Amino acid sequence: MKIPDKPSNEDDRLINLHSLSILDTAEEERFDRVTRLAKRLFNVPIAIVSLVDQNRQWFKSCFGLSTKETSRDISFCGHTILNDEPFIIPDATQDKRFYDNPLVKEEPFIRFYAGCPLSFSDGTKLGTLCIIDQVPRNLTDEDISSLIDLAQLAERELNAIQAATMDELTMISNRRGFTLLFQHTIAQCKRDNTHLALAFLDLNEFKPINDNFGHAEGDKALTAFANLMKTCFRDADVFARLGGDEFAVLMVGNSIDEAKVVINRFRQSVNQYNREAKRGYDISFSEGIVLVNPNKETSIDDLLNEADAKMYQQKNKLTR
């Protein structure tokens, strides 16, 4: 059995996948419609919209299987996301990569597999639309075109989720996306008994940038700030533009003191950007940091308001 390789852009791929907050969510008709059509069109017992996570493939929509996920190491879809074109196995028992795969030797006794990768807006492959049969078979060119058409329907739904949860200007999470990711992160930290810290960031003197240099330059400042967040914070951290010149970052596993160190390190990166960019103004920010107890029922709005109040205390000190 061949374990699927990891794509060269694996880190970016996982960031994009997790940004959608779609893993472990309930069934949705918009995805079920695609798999239902695939099952009927190709007359197969199994059709799946599969999302390939770090160590598993998870099924957002599945007809014909009772399980919701399998290990990535034994997945056919893990191979599919390595390609731009459909990945087709006419008879898995005759393929040296799969003949001894547990999914071939045991339930669901895969013989035929055809998967089409599902691309994110930046081209990274998040998962597949796949069809499976328990007897060997082949697809015609027309069949393959139809599978690609159905996969594009699933892609549109994934990208619609992105559009609803991403800030169009900076291409980081918006407030809705941050709320969804916050809920997912809180649940994970509760399971792992891990604490976390929330920082509310507000740009200083942002209005004068718009007034003196124009709104286009203000947009550049916001985008530059968001890009610095992308490079400075860890993959496990969750950050977003909440609106206007307000940003937030959720730092997993950090105490208040540790979060302050992280934020000060980020401030040094912002200062370095200012020295190199020389745009006629400096980007700076004030922050408020609160500790988040995952075992305590507290709303994201209450936590943001608490962090916002602490941020204004710091901002008022700067203006005195």
Protein backbone atom coordinates (compact mmCIF):
# COMPACT_ATOMS: atom_id res chain seq x y z
CA MET A 1 0.00 0.00 0.00
CA LYS A 2 1.25 3.46 -0.83
CA ILE A 3 0.60 6.21 1.71
CA PRO A 4 -0.31 9.42 -0.13
CA ASP A 5 2.35 12.12 -0.28
CA LYS A 6 1.70 15.61 1.12
CA PRO A 7 1.22 18.48 -1.35
CA SER A 8 4.06 21.01 -1.50
CA ASN A 9 1.63 23.68 -0.26
CA GLU A 10 0.32 21.53 2.61
CA ASP A 11 0.59 24.28 5.25
CA ASP A 12 -1.37 26.78 3.15
CA ARG A 13 -3.85 24.08 2.20
CA LEU A 14 -4.62 23.26 5.82
CA ILE A 15 -4.91 26.94 6.76
CA ASN A 16 -7.46 27.41 3.99
CA LEU A 17 -9.38 24.30 4.98
CA HIS A 18 -9.55 25.23 8.66
CA SER A 19 -10.48 28.83 7.83
CA LEU A 20 -13.82 27.58 6.48
CA SER A 21 -14.79 26.04 9.86
CA ILE A 22 -16.55 23.31 7.90
CA LEU A 23 -14.96 20.21 9.45
CA ASP A 24 -17.24 18.23 11.78
CA THR A 25 -20.29 20.29 10.83
CA ALA A 26 -23.76 18.95 10.09
CA GLU A 27 -24.95 17.69 6.72
CA GLU A 28 -26.04 20.38 4.25
CA GLU A 29 -28.37 20.01 1.30
CA ARG A 30 -26.12 22.07 -0.98
CA PHE A 31 -23.40 19.40 -0.72
CA ASP A 32 -25.78 16.45 -0.46
CA ARG A 33 -27.35 17.56 -3.74
CA VAL A 34 -23.99 17.11 -5.50
CA THR A 35 -23.28 13.64 -4.10
CA ARG A 36 -26.86 12.54 -4.74
CA LEU A 37 -26.54 13.60 -8.37
CA ALA A 38 -23.18 11.83 -8.68
CA LYS A 39 -24.58 8.61 -7.23
CA ARG A 40 -27.53 8.61 -9.62
CA LEU A 41 -25.64 9.76 -12.71
CA PHE A 42 -22.90 7.14 -12.42
CA ASN A 43 -25.07 4.43 -10.84
CA VAL A 44 -22.57 3.80 -8.04
CA PRO A 45 -23.28 2.72 -4.45
CA ILE A 46 -21.03 5.38 -2.89
CA ALA A 47 -20.55 9.11 -3.60
CA ILE A 48 -18.68 11.46 -1.27
CA VAL A 49 -17.59 15.06 -0.82
CA SER A 50 -14.41 14.41 1.14
CA LEU A 51 -12.23 17.04 2.86
CA VAL A 52 -8.64 16.01 3.54
CA ASP A 53 -7.52 17.16 6.99
CA GLN A 54 -4.03 16.78 8.47
CA ASN A 55 -4.43 13.15 9.50
CA ARG A 56 -7.85 12.16 8.24
CA GLN A 57 -10.31 12.52 5.42
CA TRP A 58 -13.68 13.74 6.67
CA PHE A 59 -16.91 13.41 4.72
CA LYS A 60 -19.00 16.56 4.46
CA SER A 61 -21.51 14.62 2.37
CA CYS A 62 -21.64 10.87 1.92
CA PHE A 63 -24.11 8.45 0.35
CA GLY A 64 -23.41 4.74 0.79
CA LEU A 65 -21.13 4.71 3.85
CA SER A 66 -22.03 4.83 7.54
CA THR A 67 -18.69 6.25 8.69
CA LYS A 68 -17.90 9.99 8.63
CA GLU A 69 -14.11 9.77 8.25
CA THR A 70 -11.12 7.51 7.66
CA SER A 71 -7.39 7.82 8.17
CA ARG A 72 -5.63 9.95 5.57
CA ASP A 73 -2.91 7.31 5.25
CA ILE A 74 -5.31 4.83 3.66
CA SER A 75 -7.38 7.34 1.73
CA PHE A 76 -7.69 7.38 -2.04
CA CYS A 77 -8.61 11.07 -1.83
CA GLY A 78 -5.21 11.84 -0.31
CA HIS A 79 -3.75 10.85 -3.69
CA THR A 80 -6.39 12.80 -5.61
CA ILE A 81 -5.47 16.18 -4.08
CA LEU A 82 -1.93 15.82 -5.46
CA ASN A 83 -3.25 16.36 -8.99
CA ASP A 84 -5.20 18.92 -10.99
CA GLU A 85 -6.99 16.25 -13.00
CA PRO A 86 -9.39 13.48 -11.94
CA PHE A 87 -7.71 10.48 -10.30
CA ILE A 88 -9.20 7.21 -11.56
CA ILE A 89 -8.54 3.63 -10.41
CA PRO A 90 -10.46 1.15 -12.64
CA ASP A 91 -9.64 -1.87 -10.44
CA ALA A 92 -7.95 -1.31 -7.09
CA THR A 93 -7.10 -5.01 -6.70
CA GLN A 94 -4.85 -4.73 -9.75
CA ASP A 95 -3.12 -1.51 -8.67
CA LYS A 96 0.10 -1.91 -6.67
CA ARG A 97 -0.68 1.28 -4.70
CA PHE A 98 -4.02 -0.02 -3.42
CA TYR A 99 -4.38 -3.82 -3.73
CA ASP A 100 -3.53 -4.33 -0.04
CA ASN A 101 -5.28 -1.17 1.22
CA PRO A 102 -7.69 -1.89 4.13
CA LEU A 103 -10.47 -0.12 2.22
CA VAL A 104 -9.95 -2.61 -0.60
CA LYS A 105 -9.45 -5.77 1.46
CA GLU A 106 -12.26 -4.94 3.90
CA GLU A 107 -15.42 -2.83 3.96
CA PRO A 108 -16.30 -1.02 1.78
CA PHE A 109 -14.36 -3.32 -0.61
CA ILE A 110 -13.37 -0.59 -3.04
CA ARG A 111 -12.73 -1.79 -6.57
CA PHE A 112 -13.42 1.28 -8.69
CA TYR A 113 -12.56 4.82 -7.56
CA ALA A 114 -12.80 8.14 -9.39
CA GLY A 115 -12.10 11.38 -7.60
CA CYS A 116 -11.95 14.98 -8.76
CA PRO A 117 -10.00 17.48 -6.64
CA LEU A 118 -11.86 20.43 -5.13
CA SER A 119 -9.82 23.61 -5.46
CA PHE A 120 -9.88 26.63 -3.16
CA SER A 121 -9.78 30.14 -4.62
CA ASP A 122 -5.96 30.15 -4.53
CA GLY A 123 -5.66 26.74 -6.20
CA THR A 124 -4.95 24.65 -3.10
CA LYS A 125 -6.83 21.36 -3.05
CA LEU A 126 -9.11 20.97 -0.03
CA GLY A 127 -10.68 17.65 -0.86
CA THR A 128 -12.53 15.73 -3.54
CA LEU A 129 -15.79 14.73 -5.07
CA CYS A 130 -15.43 10.98 -5.51
CA ILE A 131 -17.49 8.03 -6.66
CA ILE A 132 -16.82 4.42 -5.58
CA ASP A 133 -18.01 1.06 -6.80
CA GLN A 134 -17.47 -2.47 -5.53
CA VAL A 135 -16.89 -3.83 -9.02
CA PRO A 136 -14.23 -2.76 -11.53
CA ARG A 137 -15.31 -0.30 -14.21
CA ASN A 138 -14.10 2.43 -16.55
CA LEU A 139 -15.24 5.95 -17.33
CA THR A 140 -15.70 7.43 -20.79
CA ASP A 141 -14.43 10.90 -21.65
CA GLU A 142 -18.01 12.13 -21.35
CA ASP A 143 -18.28 10.55 -17.88
CA ILE A 144 -15.10 12.30 -16.77
CA SER A 145 -16.41 15.65 -18.03
CA SER A 146 -19.62 15.11 -16.06
CA LEU A 147 -17.65 14.31 -12.90
CA ILE A 148 -15.64 17.52 -13.34
CA ASP A 149 -18.86 19.51 -13.78
CA LEU A 150 -20.28 18.12 -10.54
CA ALA A 151 -17.01 18.80 -8.72
CA GLN A 152 -17.20 22.43 -9.82
CA LEU A 153 -20.61 22.67 -8.16
CA ALA A 154 -19.06 21.49 -4.88
CA GLU A 155 -16.17 23.94 -5.36
CA ARG A 156 -18.61 26.83 -5.73
CA GLU A 157 -20.20 25.93 -2.41
CA LEU A 158 -16.79 25.83 -0.68
CA ASN A 159 -15.83 29.18 -2.15
CA ALA A 160 -19.21 30.62 -1.15
CA ILE A 161 -18.33 29.74 2.44
CA GLN A 162 -15.01 31.53 1.99
CA ALA A 163 -16.70 34.63 0.59
CA ALA A 164 -19.00 34.79 3.61
CA THR A 165 -16.22 34.38 6.17
CA MET A 166 -13.25 36.25 4.62
CA ASP A 167 -12.55 39.97 4.55
CA GLU A 168 -12.48 40.96 0.88
CA LEU A 169 -9.78 43.61 1.26
CA THR A 170 -7.21 41.86 3.46
CA MET A 171 -8.10 38.22 2.67
CA ILE A 172 -8.06 37.19 6.32
CA SER A 173 -11.12 36.13 8.30
CA ASN A 174 -13.89 38.66 8.84
CA ARG A 175 -15.93 38.92 12.03
CA ARG A 176 -18.26 36.08 11.02
CA GLY A 177 -15.33 33.85 10.10
CA PHE A 178 -13.57 34.72 13.34
CA THR A 179 -16.66 33.80 15.35
CA LEU A 180 -16.91 30.41 13.63
CA LEU A 181 -13.20 29.71 14.11
CA PHE A 182 -13.44 30.87 17.73
CA GLN A 183 -16.18 28.34 18.43
CA HIS A 184 -14.18 25.55 16.79
CA THR A 185 -11.00 26.53 18.67
CA ILE A 186 -12.78 26.76 22.02
CA ALA A 187 -14.20 23.26 21.57
CA GLN A 188 -10.77 21.90 20.69
CA CYS A 189 -9.07 23.62 23.64
CA LYS A 190 -11.77 22.28 25.96
CA ARG A 191 -11.03 18.73 24.77
CA ASP A 192 -7.28 19.26 25.11
CA ASN A 193 -7.54 21.20 28.40
CA THR A 194 -5.61 24.09 26.83
CA HIS A 195 -5.95 27.76 27.74
CA LEU A 196 -5.81 30.62 25.26
CA ALA A 197 -5.63 34.40 25.09
CA LEU A 198 -7.61 36.89 23.02
CA ALA A 199 -6.06 40.16 21.84
CA PHE A 200 -8.08 43.05 20.42
CA LEU A 201 -5.92 45.27 18.15
CA ASP A 202 -6.85 48.77 17.03
CA LEU A 203 -4.71 50.85 14.66
CA ASN A 204 -3.53 54.19 16.07
CA GLU A 205 -4.14 57.38 14.09
CA PHE A 206 -5.67 55.56 11.16
CA LYS A 207 -8.07 58.35 10.17
CA PRO A 208 -5.21 60.79 9.40
CA ILE A 209 -3.79 58.22 6.96
CA ASN A 210 -7.07 58.30 5.03
CA ASP A 211 -7.38 62.09 5.34
CA ASN A 212 -3.80 62.95 4.36
CA PHE A 213 -2.93 60.18 1.90
CA GLY A 214 -6.31 59.00 0.59
CA HIS A 215 -8.47 55.96 1.18
CA ALA A 216 -6.48 53.86 -1.29
CA GLU A 217 -3.43 54.34 0.90
CA GLY A 218 -5.52 53.52 3.95
CA ASP A 219 -6.48 50.24 2.28
CA LYS A 220 -2.78 49.53 1.66
CA ALA A 221 -2.06 50.10 5.36
CA LEU A 222 -4.81 47.68 6.39
CA THR A 223 -3.61 45.08 3.91
CA ALA A 224 0.00 45.46 5.06
CA PHE A 225 -1.07 45.01 8.68
CA ALA A 226 -3.04 41.86 7.80
CA ASN A 227 -0.10 40.46 5.82
CA LEU A 228 2.16 40.96 8.82
CA MET A 229 -0.36 39.04 10.94
CA LYS A 230 -0.19 36.17 8.45
CA THR A 231 3.59 35.94 8.75
CA CYS A 232 3.98 36.61 12.48
CA PHE A 233 1.32 34.47 14.12
CA ARG A 234 1.32 30.67 14.25
CA ASP A 235 -0.86 28.37 12.19
CA ALA A 236 -2.74 27.43 15.37
CA ASP A 237 -3.61 31.08 16.09
CA VAL A 238 -6.82 32.60 14.75
CA PHE A 239 -6.79 36.20 13.54
CA ALA A 240 -9.24 38.44 11.72
CA ARG A 241 -10.19 41.92 10.65
CA LEU A 242 -13.33 42.64 12.63
CA GLY A 243 -14.13 45.78 10.68
CA GLY A 244 -12.62 49.19 9.95
CA ASP A 245 -9.23 49.35 11.63
CA GLU A 246 -10.05 46.73 14.27
CA PHE A 247 -8.39 43.33 14.34
CA ALA A 248 -8.33 40.38 16.74
CA VAL A 249 -6.11 37.37 17.34
CA LEU A 250 -6.80 34.26 19.39
CA MET A 251 -3.55 32.71 20.66
CA VAL A 252 -3.85 29.04 21.54
CA GLY A 253 -1.92 27.78 24.57
CA ASN A 254 -0.81 31.24 25.70
CA SER A 255 -1.19 32.86 29.11
CA ILE A 256 -1.61 36.62 29.41
CA ASP A 257 2.13 37.12 29.93
CA GLU A 258 2.98 34.84 27.00
CA ALA A 259 0.46 36.65 24.82
CA LYS A 260 2.07 40.00 25.69
CA VAL A 261 5.42 38.64 24.51
CA VAL A 262 3.84 37.49 21.24
CA ILE A 263 2.12 40.84 20.66
CA ASN A 264 5.32 42.76 21.39
CA ARG A 265 7.15 40.55 18.90
CA PHE A 266 4.44 41.38 16.36
CA ARG A 267 4.87 45.09 17.17
CA GLN A 268 8.58 44.78 16.37
CA SER A 269 7.66 43.33 12.97
CA VAL A 270 5.29 46.25 12.33
CA ASN A 271 8.05 48.71 13.29
CA GLN A 272 10.46 46.94 10.95
CA TYR A 273 7.89 47.25 8.16
CA ASN A 274 7.60 51.00 8.84
CA ARG A 275 11.36 51.46 8.59
CA GLU A 276 11.54 49.60 5.29
CA ALA A 277 8.32 50.85 3.65
CA LYS A 278 8.87 54.59 4.30
CA ARG A 279 5.35 55.47 3.14
CA GLY A 280 5.25 58.85 4.88
CA TYR A 281 3.37 57.51 7.89
CA ASP A 282 3.83 54.76 10.45
CA ILE A 283 1.44 51.94 11.25
CA SER A 284 1.02 51.36 14.98
CA PHE A 285 -1.60 49.78 17.19
CA SER A 286 -2.93 49.49 20.71
CA GLU A 287 -4.06 46.20 22.17
CA GLY A 288 -6.16 44.71 24.92
CA ILE A 289 -5.57 41.13 26.02
CA VAL A 290 -7.87 38.85 28.02
CA LEU A 291 -7.49 35.24 29.11
CA VAL A 292 -10.08 32.83 27.72
CA ASN A 293 -11.21 29.89 29.84
CA PRO A 294 -12.58 27.25 27.43
CA ASN A 295 -14.50 25.61 30.29
CA LYS A 296 -16.39 28.80 31.09
CA GLU A 297 -19.47 29.71 29.08
CA THR A 298 -18.58 33.16 27.74
CA SER A 299 -19.71 34.65 24.45
CA ILE A 300 -17.22 35.90 21.88
CA ASP A 301 -18.92 39.32 21.98
CA ASP A 302 -18.41 39.61 25.75
CA LEU A 303 -14.74 38.64 25.42
CA LEU A 304 -14.18 41.12 22.58
CA ASN A 305 -15.87 43.87 24.58
CA GLU A 306 -13.63 43.10 27.56
CA ALA A 307 -10.51 43.13 25.38
CA ASP A 308 -11.73 46.29 23.63
CA ALA A 309 -12.07 48.07 26.98
CA LYS A 310 -8.51 47.09 27.91
CA MET A 311 -7.31 48.32 24.53
CA TYR A 312 -8.88 51.74 25.09
CA GLN A 313 -7.16 51.98 28.46
CA GLN A 314 -3.83 51.59 26.68
CA LYS A 315 -4.83 53.97 23.86
CA ASN A 316 -5.86 56.65 26.37
CA LYS A 317 -2.44 56.44 28.03
CA LEU A 318 -0.80 57.14 24.67
CA THR A 319 -2.89 60.28 24.08
CA ARG A 320 -2.27 61.85 27.48
